[in-house]
C-alpha atoms as a PDB file:
ATOM      1  CA  MET A   1     -37.292 -12.625 -18.864  1.00  0.00           C
ATOM      2  CA  ALA A   2     -37.758 -12.378 -14.963  1.00  0.00           C
ATOM      3  CA  THR A   3     -34.832 -10.954 -13.093  1.00  0.00           C
ATOM      4  CA  PRO A   4     -33.515 -13.282  -9.788  1.00  0.00           C
ATOM      5  CA  GLU A   5     -34.031 -11.652  -6.983  1.00  0.00           C
ATOM      6  CA  LYS A   6     -31.085 -10.381  -5.171  1.00  0.00           C
ATOM      7  CA  PHE A   7     -29.538 -12.837  -2.830  1.00  0.00           C
ATOM      8  CA  ILE A   8     -27.311 -11.509   0.340  1.00  0.00           C
ATOM      9  CA  PRO A   9     -24.845 -14.510   1.562  1.00  0.00           C
ATOM     10  CA  VAL A  10     -24.630 -14.817   5.432  1.00  0.00           C
ATOM     11  CA  PHE A  11     -21.071 -15.318   6.681  1.00  0.00           C
ATOM     12  CA  ASP A  12     -20.514 -17.132  10.189  1.00  0.00           C
ATOM     13  CA  HIS A  13     -19.192 -13.772  11.295  1.00  0.00           C
ATOM     14  CA  SER A  14     -21.014 -11.112   9.228  1.00  0.00           C
ATOM     15  CA  THR A  15     -22.616  -9.964  12.764  1.00  0.00           C
ATOM     16  CA  ARG A  16     -19.096  -8.857  14.206  1.00  0.00           C
ATOM     17  CA  PRO A  17     -18.235  -5.138  14.041  1.00  0.00           C
ATOM     18  CA  ASN A  18     -15.553  -3.463  11.983  1.00  0.00           C
ATOM     19  CA  VAL A  19     -12.487  -2.989  13.835  1.00  0.00           C
ATOM     20  CA  SER A  20     -12.628   0.566  14.674  1.00  0.00           C
ATOM     21  CA  ARG A  21     -14.695   3.621  13.491  1.00  0.00           C
ATOM     22  CA  MET A  22     -13.627   4.663   9.435  1.00  0.00           C
ATOM     23  CA  PRO A  23     -10.271   6.718  10.319  1.00  0.00           C
ATOM     24  CA  GLU A  24     -10.280  10.193   8.588  1.00  0.00           C
ATOM     25  CA  TRP A  25      -7.890   9.353   6.128  1.00  0.00           C
ATOM     26  CA  ILE A  26     -10.840   7.198   4.407  1.00  0.00           C
ATOM     27  CA  ARG A  27     -13.520   9.599   4.648  1.00  0.00           C
ATOM     28  CA  LEU A  28     -14.147  11.050   1.065  1.00  0.00           C
ATOM     29  CA  ASN A  29     -13.224  14.257   0.237  1.00  0.00           C
ATOM     30  CA  LEU A  30     -15.406  14.508  -3.097  1.00  0.00           C
ATOM     31  CA  ALA A  31     -14.102  16.621  -6.034  1.00  0.00           C
ATOM     32  CA  PRO A  32     -16.252  19.447  -7.210  1.00  0.00           C
ATOM     33  CA  VAL A  33     -19.042  17.620  -9.368  1.00  0.00           C
ATOM     34  CA  ASP A  34     -19.143  18.558 -13.180  1.00  0.00           C
ATOM     35  CA  ASP A  35     -22.578  17.735 -13.956  1.00  0.00           C
ATOM     36  CA  SER A  36     -21.873  17.654 -17.758  1.00  0.00           C
ATOM     37  CA  LEU A  37     -19.481  14.889 -17.028  1.00  0.00           C
ATOM     38  CA  PHE A  38     -20.956  12.799 -14.655  1.00  0.00           C
ATOM     39  CA  GLN A  39     -24.842  13.025 -15.809  1.00  0.00           C
ATOM     40  CA  GLY A  40     -23.124  12.395 -19.301  1.00  0.00           C
ATOM     41  CA  THR A  41     -21.626   9.398 -18.097  1.00  0.00           C
ATOM     42  CA  ALA A  42     -24.610   7.848 -16.396  1.00  0.00           C
ATOM     43  CA  ALA A  43     -26.651   8.995 -19.252  1.00  0.00           C
ATOM     44  CA  GLN A  44     -24.296   6.803 -21.623  1.00  0.00           C
ATOM     45  CA  VAL A  45     -24.678   3.744 -19.088  1.00  0.00           C
ATOM     46  CA  ARG A  46     -28.509   4.177 -19.197  1.00  0.00           C
ATOM     47  CA  SER A  47     -29.211   4.661 -22.461  1.00  0.00           C
ATOM     48  CA  ASN A  48     -27.136   1.467 -23.382  1.00  0.00           C
ATOM     49  CA  THR A  49     -28.668  -0.842 -20.751  1.00  0.00           C
ATOM     50  CA  LEU A  50     -25.378  -1.285 -19.310  1.00  0.00           C
ATOM     51  CA  ASN A  51     -24.433  -2.493 -15.662  1.00  0.00           C
ATOM     52  CA  THR A  52     -20.916  -0.542 -14.300  1.00  0.00           C
ATOM     53  CA  VAL A  53     -19.265  -2.559 -11.373  1.00  0.00           C
ATOM     54  CA  CYS A  54     -19.050   1.563 -10.291  1.00  0.00           C
ATOM     55  CA  GLU A  55     -22.688   0.965  -9.094  1.00  0.00           C
ATOM     56  CA  GLU A  56     -23.004  -2.625  -8.702  1.00  0.00           C
ATOM     57  CA  ALA A  57     -19.935  -2.710  -6.224  1.00  0.00           C
ATOM     58  CA  ARG A  58     -20.741   0.166  -4.677  1.00  0.00           C
ATOM     59  CA  CYS A  59     -17.425   1.333  -5.339  1.00  0.00           C
ATOM     60  CA  PRO A  60     -15.899   4.683  -3.490  1.00  0.00           C
ATOM     61  CA  ASN A  61     -14.869   6.299  -6.633  1.00  0.00           C
ATOM     62  CA  ARG A  62     -17.419   6.375  -8.418  1.00  0.00           C
ATOM     63  CA  GLY A  63     -18.169  10.186  -8.157  1.00  0.00           C
ATOM     64  CA  GLU A  64     -14.301  10.797  -9.237  1.00  0.00           C
ATOM     65  CA  CYS A  65     -14.161   8.388 -12.149  1.00  0.00           C
ATOM     66  CA  TRP A  66     -18.016   9.456 -13.555  1.00  0.00           C
ATOM     67  CA  ASN A  67     -16.997  12.972 -13.103  1.00  0.00           C
ATOM     68  CA  ARG A  68     -14.114  12.486 -15.099  1.00  0.00           C
ATOM     69  CA  GLY A  69     -15.965  11.052 -17.647  1.00  0.00           C
ATOM     70  CA  THR A  70     -14.718   7.289 -17.258  1.00  0.00           C
ATOM     71  CA  ALA A  71     -16.755   4.299 -15.879  1.00  0.00           C
ATOM     72  CA  THR A  72     -15.502   0.565 -15.439  1.00  0.00           C
ATOM     73  CA  PHE A  73     -18.439  -1.257 -17.841  1.00  0.00           C
ATOM     74  CA  MET A  74     -19.420  -4.863 -16.234  1.00  0.00           C
ATOM     75  CA  LEU A  75     -20.601  -7.208 -18.773  1.00  0.00           C
ATOM     76  CA  LEU A  76     -22.900  -9.990 -18.824  1.00  0.00           C
ATOM     77  CA  GLY A  77     -25.302  -9.143 -16.360  1.00  0.00           C
ATOM     78  CA  GLU A  78     -25.327  -8.493 -12.467  1.00  0.00           C
ATOM     79  CA  THR A  79     -25.930 -11.612 -11.086  1.00  0.00           C
ATOM     80  CA  CYS A  80     -22.771 -13.211  -9.991  1.00  0.00           C
ATOM     81  CA  THR A  81     -22.649 -17.475  -9.546  1.00  0.00           C
ATOM     82  CA  ARG A  82     -20.688 -17.029  -6.606  1.00  0.00           C
ATOM     83  CA  ALA A  83     -20.823 -15.485  -3.044  1.00  0.00           C
ATOM     84  CA  CYS A  84     -17.482 -13.961  -2.029  1.00  0.00           C
ATOM     85  CA  GLY A  85     -17.705 -12.634   1.226  1.00  0.00           C
ATOM     86  CA  PHE A  86     -16.186  -8.945   0.367  1.00  0.00           C
ATOM     87  CA  CYS A  87     -18.396  -8.361  -2.909  1.00  0.00           C
ATOM     88  CA  SER A  88     -22.040  -6.542  -3.067  1.00  0.00           C
ATOM     89  CA  VAL A  89     -22.435  -7.406  -6.298  1.00  0.00           C
ATOM     90  CA  LYS A  90     -25.521 -10.066  -6.170  1.00  0.00           C
ATOM     91  CA  THR A  91     -25.468 -13.965  -5.906  1.00  0.00           C
ATOM     92  CA  GLY A  92     -27.833 -16.276  -7.671  1.00  0.00           C
ATOM     93  CA  ARG A  93     -28.580 -18.010 -10.805  1.00  0.00           C
ATOM     94  CA  PRO A  94     -28.102 -15.701 -13.719  1.00  0.00           C
ATOM     95  CA  GLU A  95     -30.760 -15.666 -16.232  1.00  0.00           C
ATOM     96  CA  TRP A  96     -29.418 -12.896 -18.015  1.00  0.00           C
ATOM     97  CA  PHE A  97     -27.646 -12.927 -21.518  1.00  0.00           C
ATOM     98  CA  ASP A  98     -27.360 -10.520 -24.261  1.00  0.00           C
ATOM     99  CA  ASP A  99     -25.550 -11.121 -27.489  1.00  0.00           C
ATOM    100  CA  ASP A 100     -25.650  -7.367 -28.480  1.00  0.00           C
ATOM    101  CA  GLU A 101     -23.952  -6.277 -25.358  1.00  0.00           C
ATOM    102  CA  ALA A 102     -20.599  -6.143 -27.101  1.00  0.00           C
ATOM    103  CA  ARG A 103     -21.731  -3.505 -29.563  1.00  0.00           C
ATOM    104  CA  ARG A 104     -23.655  -1.356 -26.816  1.00  0.00           C
ATOM    105  CA  VAL A 105     -20.800  -1.123 -24.677  1.00  0.00           C
ATOM    106  CA  ALA A 106     -18.340   0.024 -27.506  1.00  0.00           C
ATOM    107  CA  GLU A 107     -21.073   2.290 -28.720  1.00  0.00           C
ATOM    108  CA  ALA A 108     -21.146   4.097 -25.185  1.00  0.00           C
ATOM    109  CA  THR A 109     -17.435   3.823 -24.816  1.00  0.00           C
ATOM    110  CA  ILE A 110     -16.941   5.978 -28.139  1.00  0.00           C
ATOM    111  CA  ASN A 111     -19.607   8.238 -26.881  1.00  0.00           C
ATOM    112  CA  MET A 112     -18.051   9.015 -24.280  1.00  0.00           C
ATOM    113  CA  GLY A 113     -14.876   9.834 -25.901  1.00  0.00           C
ATOM    114  CA  LEU A 114     -12.843   7.238 -23.979  1.00  0.00           C
ATOM    115  CA  ASP A 115      -9.043   6.669 -25.265  1.00  0.00           C
ATOM    116  CA  TYR A 116      -8.969   3.383 -22.524  1.00  0.00           C
ATOM    117  CA  VAL A 117     -11.906   1.277 -21.402  1.00  0.00           C
ATOM    118  CA  VAL A 118     -11.991  -1.291 -18.530  1.00  0.00           C
ATOM    119  CA  LEU A 119     -14.372  -3.957 -18.902  1.00  0.00           C
ATOM    120  CA  THR A 120     -15.284  -6.533 -15.925  1.00  0.00           C
ATOM    121  CA  SER A 121     -17.869  -8.866 -15.572  1.00  0.00           C
ATOM    122  CA  VAL A 122     -19.415 -11.265 -13.094  1.00  0.00           C
ATOM    123  CA  ASN A 123     -18.797 -14.556 -12.535  1.00  0.00           C
ATOM    124  CA  ARG A 124     -20.773 -16.671 -14.881  1.00  0.00           C
ATOM    125  CA  ASP A 125     -20.263 -20.501 -13.956  1.00  0.00           C
ATOM    126  CA  ASP A 126     -23.363 -21.499 -15.456  1.00  0.00           C
ATOM    127  CA  MET A 127     -21.961 -20.555 -19.045  1.00  0.00           C
ATOM    128  CA  GLU A 128     -20.133 -22.714 -20.948  1.00  0.00           C
ATOM    129  CA  ASP A 129     -17.261 -20.517 -22.224  1.00  0.00           C
ATOM    130  CA  GLY A 130     -17.376 -18.358 -18.842  1.00  0.00           C
ATOM    131  CA  GLY A 131     -18.372 -15.303 -21.077  1.00  0.00           C
ATOM    132  CA  ALA A 132     -14.989 -15.804 -22.870  1.00  0.00           C
ATOM    133  CA  ALA A 133     -16.637 -15.099 -26.162  1.00  0.00           C
ATOM    134  CA  VAL A 134     -18.398 -11.430 -24.879  1.00  0.00           C
ATOM    135  CA  TYR A 135     -15.369 -10.545 -23.513  1.00  0.00           C
ATOM    136  CA  ALA A 136     -13.634 -11.304 -27.177  1.00  0.00           C
ATOM    137  CA  ASN A 137     -16.419  -9.656 -29.030  1.00  0.00           C
ATOM    138  CA  SER A 138     -16.415  -6.849 -26.608  1.00  0.00           C
ATOM    139  CA  LEU A 139     -12.894  -5.976 -28.237  1.00  0.00           C
ATOM    140  CA  ARG A 140     -13.473  -6.878 -31.495  1.00  0.00           C
ATOM    141  CA  GLU A 141     -16.499  -4.058 -31.637  1.00  0.00           C
ATOM    142  CA  LEU A 142     -13.924  -1.222 -29.496  1.00  0.00           C
ATOM    143  CA  ARG A 143     -11.051  -2.246 -31.865  1.00  0.00           C
ATOM    144  CA  ARG A 144     -13.540  -2.406 -35.146  1.00  0.00           C
ATOM    145  CA  ARG A 145     -14.568   1.498 -34.022  1.00  0.00           C
ATOM    146  CA  LYS A 146     -11.302   2.669 -32.710  1.00  0.00           C
ATOM    147  CA  ALA A 147      -8.325   0.883 -33.345  1.00  0.00           C
ATOM    148  CA  ASN A 148      -5.911   2.623 -31.290  1.00  0.00           C
ATOM    149  CA  ILE A 149      -8.079   2.227 -28.061  1.00  0.00           C
ATOM    150  CA  GLY A 150      -6.499   1.144 -24.466  1.00  0.00           C
ATOM    151  CA  ILE A 151      -8.356  -1.941 -23.368  1.00  0.00           C
ATOM    152  CA  GLU A 152      -8.549  -3.661 -20.156  1.00  0.00           C
ATOM    153  CA  PHE A 153     -10.001  -6.704 -18.948  1.00  0.00           C
ATOM    154  CA  LEU A 154     -10.696  -7.627 -15.288  1.00  0.00           C
ATOM    155  CA  THR A 155     -11.981 -11.387 -15.804  1.00  0.00           C
ATOM    156  CA  PRO A 156     -12.741 -14.192 -13.969  1.00  0.00           C
ATOM    157  CA  ASP A 157     -10.667 -17.407 -13.421  1.00  0.00           C
ATOM    158  CA  PHE A 158     -13.076 -19.010 -16.077  1.00  0.00           C
ATOM    159  CA  TYR A 159     -13.183 -22.076 -13.674  1.00  0.00           C
ATOM    160  CA  GLN A 160     -13.188 -25.428 -15.884  1.00  0.00           C
ATOM    161  CA  LYS A 161     -14.168 -23.353 -19.354  1.00  0.00           C
ATOM    162  CA  PRO A 162     -10.511 -24.668 -21.260  1.00  0.00           C
ATOM    163  CA  ASN A 163     -10.822 -22.635 -24.088  1.00  0.00           C
ATOM    164  CA  ALA A 164     -11.509 -19.438 -22.506  1.00  0.00           C
ATOM    165  CA  VAL A 165      -7.744 -17.943 -22.805  1.00  0.00           C
ATOM    166  CA  GLU A 166      -7.692 -18.779 -26.391  1.00  0.00           C
ATOM    167  CA  THR A 167     -11.189 -17.422 -27.179  1.00  0.00           C
ATOM    168  CA  ILE A 168      -9.925 -14.049 -26.136  1.00  0.00           C
ATOM    169  CA  TYR A 169      -6.417 -13.977 -27.567  1.00  0.00           C
ATOM    170  CA  GLN A 170      -7.954 -15.037 -30.685  1.00  0.00           C
ATOM    171  CA  ALA A 171      -9.403 -11.378 -30.518  1.00  0.00           C
ATOM    172  CA  VAL A 172      -6.402  -9.869 -29.591  1.00  0.00           C
ATOM    173  CA  GLU A 173      -4.505 -11.009 -32.655  1.00  0.00           C
ATOM    174  CA  GLU A 174      -6.987 -10.394 -34.696  1.00  0.00           C
ATOM    175  CA  PHE A 175      -6.940  -6.724 -33.869  1.00  0.00           C
ATOM    176  CA  ARG A 176      -3.700  -5.906 -32.819  1.00  0.00           C
ATOM    177  CA  HIS A 177      -3.187  -2.508 -31.623  1.00  0.00           C
ATOM    178  CA  PRO A 178      -1.270  -0.335 -34.186  1.00  0.00           C
ATOM    179  CA  GLU A 179       0.505   2.234 -32.224  1.00  0.00           C
ATOM    180  CA  SER A 180       1.335   0.269 -28.682  1.00  0.00           C
ATOM    181  CA  ASN A 181       3.427  -2.835 -27.603  1.00  0.00           C
ATOM    182  CA  THR A 182       0.617  -3.571 -25.469  1.00  0.00           C
ATOM    183  CA  ASP A 183      -2.457  -5.245 -26.932  1.00  0.00           C
ATOM    184  CA  LEU A 184      -4.351  -5.827 -24.024  1.00  0.00           C
ATOM    185  CA  VAL A 185      -4.190  -5.515 -20.669  1.00  0.00           C
ATOM    186  CA  TRP A 186      -5.574  -8.511 -18.898  1.00  0.00           C
ATOM    187  CA  GLY A 187      -6.405  -8.242 -15.090  1.00  0.00           C
ATOM    188  CA  HIS A 188      -7.831 -10.686 -12.885  1.00  0.00           C
ATOM    189  CA  ASN A 189      -7.687 -10.142  -8.936  1.00  0.00           C
ATOM    190  CA  VAL A 190      -6.138 -12.596  -6.583  1.00  0.00           C
ATOM    191  CA  GLU A 191      -7.851  -9.847  -3.927  1.00  0.00           C
ATOM    192  CA  THR A 192      -6.227 -11.721  -0.851  1.00  0.00           C
ATOM    193  CA  VAL A 193      -3.684 -13.571   0.809  1.00  0.00           C
ATOM    194  CA  PRO A 194      -4.155 -17.833   0.477  1.00  0.00           C
ATOM    195  CA  SER A 195      -4.673 -18.097   4.224  1.00  0.00           C
ATOM    196  CA  LEU A 196      -8.252 -16.507   3.914  1.00  0.00           C
ATOM    197  CA  TYR A 197      -9.825 -17.876   0.516  1.00  0.00           C
ATOM    198  CA  LYS A 198     -11.775 -19.800   2.257  1.00  0.00           C
ATOM    199  CA  THR A 199     -13.383 -16.985   4.105  1.00  0.00           C
ATOM    200  CA  VAL A 200     -13.319 -14.141   1.482  1.00  0.00           C
ATOM    201  CA  ARG A 201     -13.256 -16.157  -1.761  1.00  0.00           C
ATOM    202  CA  LYS A 202     -15.377 -19.107  -1.462  1.00  0.00           C
ATOM    203  CA  GLY A 203     -15.706 -21.011  -4.902  1.00  0.00           C
ATOM    204  CA  SER A 204     -12.437 -19.353  -5.830  1.00  0.00           C
ATOM    205  CA  ASN A 205      -8.754 -20.770  -5.674  1.00  0.00           C
ATOM    206  CA  TYR A 206      -5.290 -19.060  -5.474  1.00  0.00           C
ATOM    207  CA  GLN A 207      -3.150 -21.268  -7.357  1.00  0.00           C
ATOM    208  CA  ARG A 208      -6.044 -21.509 -10.204  1.00  0.00           C
ATOM    209  CA  SER A 209      -5.736 -17.595 -10.097  1.00  0.00           C
ATOM    210  CA  MET A 210      -1.983 -17.875 -10.279  1.00  0.00           C
ATOM    211  CA  GLN A 211      -2.130 -20.109 -13.486  1.00  0.00           C
ATOM    212  CA  LEU A 212      -4.678 -17.881 -15.151  1.00  0.00           C
ATOM    213  CA  LEU A 213      -2.409 -14.653 -14.726  1.00  0.00           C
ATOM    214  CA  GLN A 214       0.790 -16.950 -15.690  1.00  0.00           C
ATOM    215  CA  GLN A 215      -1.006 -17.747 -18.860  1.00  0.00           C
ATOM    216  CA  ALA A 216      -2.202 -14.236 -19.536  1.00  0.00           C
ATOM    217  CA  ALA A 217       1.280 -12.768 -18.977  1.00  0.00           C
ATOM    218  CA  ALA A 218       2.978 -15.405 -21.497  1.00  0.00           C
ATOM    219  CA  LEU A 219       0.717 -13.901 -24.410  1.00  0.00           C
ATOM    220  CA  GLU A 220       2.038 -11.969 -26.948  1.00  0.00           C
ATOM    221  CA  GLY A 221       0.969  -8.213 -26.422  1.00  0.00           C
ATOM    222  CA  VAL A 222      -0.540  -8.563 -22.816  1.00  0.00           C
ATOM    223  CA  GLU A 223       0.551  -7.246 -19.820  1.00  0.00           C
ATOM    224  CA  ALA A 224      -0.710  -9.170 -16.878  1.00  0.00           C
ATOM    225  CA  LYS A 225      -2.442  -7.183 -13.967  1.00  0.00           C
ATOM    226  CA  SER A 226      -3.944  -8.195 -10.158  1.00  0.00           C
ATOM    227  CA  ALA A 227      -5.127  -6.406  -7.215  1.00  0.00           C
ATOM    228  CA  ILE A 228      -5.309  -7.568  -3.045  1.00  0.00           C
ATOM    229  CA  MET A 229      -7.750  -5.937  -0.715  1.00  0.00           C
ATOM    230  CA  LEU A 230      -5.815  -5.199   3.056  1.00  0.00           C
ATOM    231  CA  GLY A 231      -7.550  -4.812   6.123  1.00  0.00           C
ATOM    232  CA  LEU A 232      -8.793  -8.439   5.897  1.00  0.00           C
ATOM    233  CA  GLY A 233      -6.914  -9.863   8.430  1.00  0.00           C
ATOM    234  CA  GLU A 234      -3.707 -10.501   6.055  1.00  0.00           C
ATOM    235  CA  SER A 235      -0.335 -10.084   7.549  1.00  0.00           C
ATOM    236  CA  HIS A 236       2.586  -8.121   6.302  1.00  0.00           C
ATOM    237  CA  ALA A 237       4.957 -10.842   5.317  1.00  0.00           C
ATOM    238  CA  GLU A 238       1.428 -12.471   3.915  1.00  0.00           C
ATOM    239  CA  VAL A 239       0.561  -9.535   1.306  1.00  0.00           C
ATOM    240  CA  ILE A 240       4.721  -9.516   0.582  1.00  0.00           C
ATOM    241  CA  ALA A 241       4.699 -13.041  -0.612  1.00  0.00           C
ATOM    242  CA  VAL A 242       1.518 -12.579  -2.755  1.00  0.00           C
ATOM    243  CA  LEU A 243       3.541  -9.826  -4.482  1.00  0.00           C
ATOM    244  CA  GLU A 244       6.425 -12.084  -5.019  1.00  0.00           C
ATOM    245  CA  ASP A 245       3.865 -14.762  -6.443  1.00  0.00           C
ATOM    246  CA  LEU A 246       2.857 -12.132  -8.757  1.00  0.00           C
ATOM    247  CA  ARG A 247       5.873 -11.599 -10.332  1.00  0.00           C
ATOM    248  CA  SER A 248       7.061 -14.741 -10.938  1.00  0.00           C
ATOM    249  CA  ALA A 249       3.770 -15.375 -12.621  1.00  0.00           C
ATOM    250  CA  GLY A 250       4.829 -12.536 -14.790  1.00  0.00           C
ATOM    251  CA  VAL A 251       2.511  -9.611 -13.322  1.00  0.00           C
ATOM    252  CA  GLN A 252       3.481  -6.434 -14.787  1.00  0.00           C
ATOM    253  CA  ARG A 253       0.922  -4.473 -12.832  1.00  0.00           C
ATOM    254  CA  VAL A 254      -0.596  -4.377  -9.539  1.00  0.00           C
ATOM    255  CA  SER A 255      -2.517  -2.205  -6.949  1.00  0.00           C
ATOM    256  CA  LEU A 256      -3.327  -2.313  -3.657  1.00  0.00           C
ATOM    257  CA  GLY A 257      -6.255  -1.039  -1.753  1.00  0.00           C
ATOM    258  CA  GLN A 258      -8.258  -1.050   1.435  1.00  0.00           C
ATOM    259  CA  TYR A 259     -11.356  -3.431   1.862  1.00  0.00           C
ATOM    260  CA  LEU A 260     -14.495  -1.226   3.064  1.00  0.00           C
ATOM    261  CA  ARG A 261     -17.494  -3.302   4.385  1.00  0.00           C
ATOM    262  CA  PRO A 262     -20.499  -2.624   1.757  1.00  0.00           C
ATOM    263  CA  THR A 263     -23.171  -4.029   3.869  1.00  0.00           C
ATOM    264  CA  ARG A 264     -23.214  -5.599   7.785  1.00  0.00           C
ATOM    265  CA  PHE A 265     -24.007  -8.576   5.666  1.00  0.00           C
ATOM    266  CA  HIS A 266     -20.475  -8.624   4.723  1.00  0.00           C
ATOM    267  CA  LEU A 267     -17.005  -9.488   6.426  1.00  0.00           C
ATOM    268  CA  PRO A 268     -16.048  -6.913   8.991  1.00  0.00           C
ATOM    269  CA  VAL A 269     -12.794  -5.014   8.538  1.00  0.00           C
ATOM    270  CA  MET A 270     -10.144  -6.040  10.707  1.00  0.00           C
ATOM    271  CA  ALA A 271      -7.560  -3.398  10.324  1.00  0.00           C
ATOM    272  CA  TYR A 272      -7.428   0.087   8.552  1.00  0.00           C
ATOM    273  CA  VAL A 273      -4.416   0.136   6.742  1.00  0.00           C
ATOM    274  CA  THR A 274      -2.225   3.755   7.018  1.00  0.00           C
ATOM    275  CA  PRO A 275      -1.160   5.491   4.101  1.00  0.00           C
ATOM    276  CA  GLU A 276       2.367   5.214   5.141  1.00  0.00           C
ATOM    277  CA  GLU A 277       1.776   1.566   5.073  1.00  0.00           C
ATOM    278  CA  PHE A 278       0.516   2.078   1.788  1.00  0.00           C
ATOM    279  CA  THR A 279       3.436   3.653   0.701  1.00  0.00           C
ATOM    280  CA  GLN A 280       5.354   1.197   1.671  1.00  0.00           C
ATOM    281  CA  TYR A 281       4.288  -1.524   0.007  1.00  0.00           C
ATOM    282  CA  GLU A 282       3.942   0.741  -3.034  1.00  0.00           C
ATOM    283  CA  GLU A 283       8.140   0.991  -2.922  1.00  0.00           C
ATOM    284  CA  GLU A 284       8.645  -2.826  -1.773  1.00  0.00           C
ATOM    285  CA  ALA A 285       6.159  -3.688  -4.954  1.00  0.00           C
ATOM    286  CA  ARG A 286       8.451  -1.451  -7.013  1.00  0.00           C
ATOM    287  CA  ALA A 287      11.592  -2.740  -5.828  1.00  0.00           C
ATOM    288  CA  MET A 288      10.180  -6.062  -6.959  1.00  0.00           C
ATOM    289  CA  GLY A 289      10.113  -4.919 -10.624  1.00  0.00           C
ATOM    290  CA  PHE A 290       6.526  -3.926 -11.038  1.00  0.00           C
ATOM    291  CA  ASP A 291       5.924  -1.874 -13.842  1.00  0.00           C
ATOM    292  CA  TRP A 292       2.806  -0.112 -12.802  1.00  0.00           C
ATOM    293  CA  VAL A 293       1.546  -0.095  -9.287  1.00  0.00           C
ATOM    294  CA  LYS A 294      -1.132   1.880  -7.235  1.00  0.00           C
ATOM    295  CA  ALA A 295      -1.421   1.651  -3.551  1.00  0.00           C
ATOM    296  CA  GLY A 296      -3.233   3.339  -1.195  1.00  0.00           C
ATOM    297  CA  PRO A 297      -6.530   3.438   0.990  1.00  0.00           C
ATOM    298  CA  LEU A 298      -9.205   4.378  -1.942  1.00  0.00           C
ATOM    299  CA  VAL A 299      -7.309   2.451  -4.830  1.00  0.00           C
ATOM    300  CA  ARG A 300      -9.667  -0.146  -6.649  1.00  0.00           C
ATOM    301  CA  SER A 301      -8.245  -2.521  -9.614  1.00  0.00           C
ATOM    302  CA  SER A 302      -9.372   0.031 -11.897  1.00  0.00           C
ATOM    303  CA  TYR A 303      -8.667   3.249 -10.577  1.00  0.00           C
ATOM    304  CA  HIS A 304      -6.897   5.437 -12.692  1.00  0.00           C
ATOM    305  CA  ALA A 305      -5.818   2.161 -14.939  1.00  0.00           C
ATOM    306  CA  GLU A 306      -5.338   4.731 -18.091  1.00  0.00           C
ATOM    307  CA  GLU A 307      -2.569   6.242 -16.444  1.00  0.00           C
ATOM    308  CA  ASP A 308       0.974   5.003 -17.800  1.00  0.00           C
ATOM    309  CA  GLN A 309       3.490   5.064 -15.256  1.00  0.00           C
ATOM    310  CA  SER A 310       6.501   4.473 -17.986  1.00  0.00           C
ATOM    311  CA  LYS A 311       6.216   8.239 -18.983  1.00  0.00           C
END
């Protein structure tokens, strides 16, 4: 089956430069490479014909995470049906589907010796269920092989897919986690503040995202999680308002990181948020009652997701 050509969206202000040169605190100090772990991770990804958000979204933490023997698998192919202004995952009309993907993801996870795995996906608005069944089957395959594995989903909003939430939750109920009160961490990123949605997240809707998070948070054994990118032109007050909305929706976990422009065709960086400002956001989020908070320039939604901050 032919692979769609990569479509790079062109935005009205894509030719605008970033606000300034990248500051010192952003520049990566790469950890010493452990070839056995990095190459082992790469081998599992390649041999199982899997996609990772680490590669497709050009995550700045790929070296660190792969050196730790972990990766965030991206389900449902590498072509997204939406064209967000910040994202380097290619956009187009997907032709890819593989009903064996869930098994291969589970096999790779077990072979890598992971105790916690994060699964995300492209948006698949073309599918009847938005890809919810693949998420559900991935959970089943993982728990069949390792009953107590920690699982985190980072899902789309499943727009106009009325049974998507129920499809995933049915798998959760079938395979309850025997050693934890948390059967699943369900993440969905709001990404930015409402005033920037039309520019940053075309095709998405802030209230729709909040409704999905509220649904997820209300499910027994599910912890809801979200993430915000900073530096796209939002104000401090707007970020605080989003955090308050997330807490009101029942979200327990949140991450905040710096937006970094993946290519010149994407939205420019409007501000580089300082480490001190990130610390302030973290303190404010904890004061609101979030149980799990990560905030920093290079933090991404799945960054050190396995860490239990309650200990």
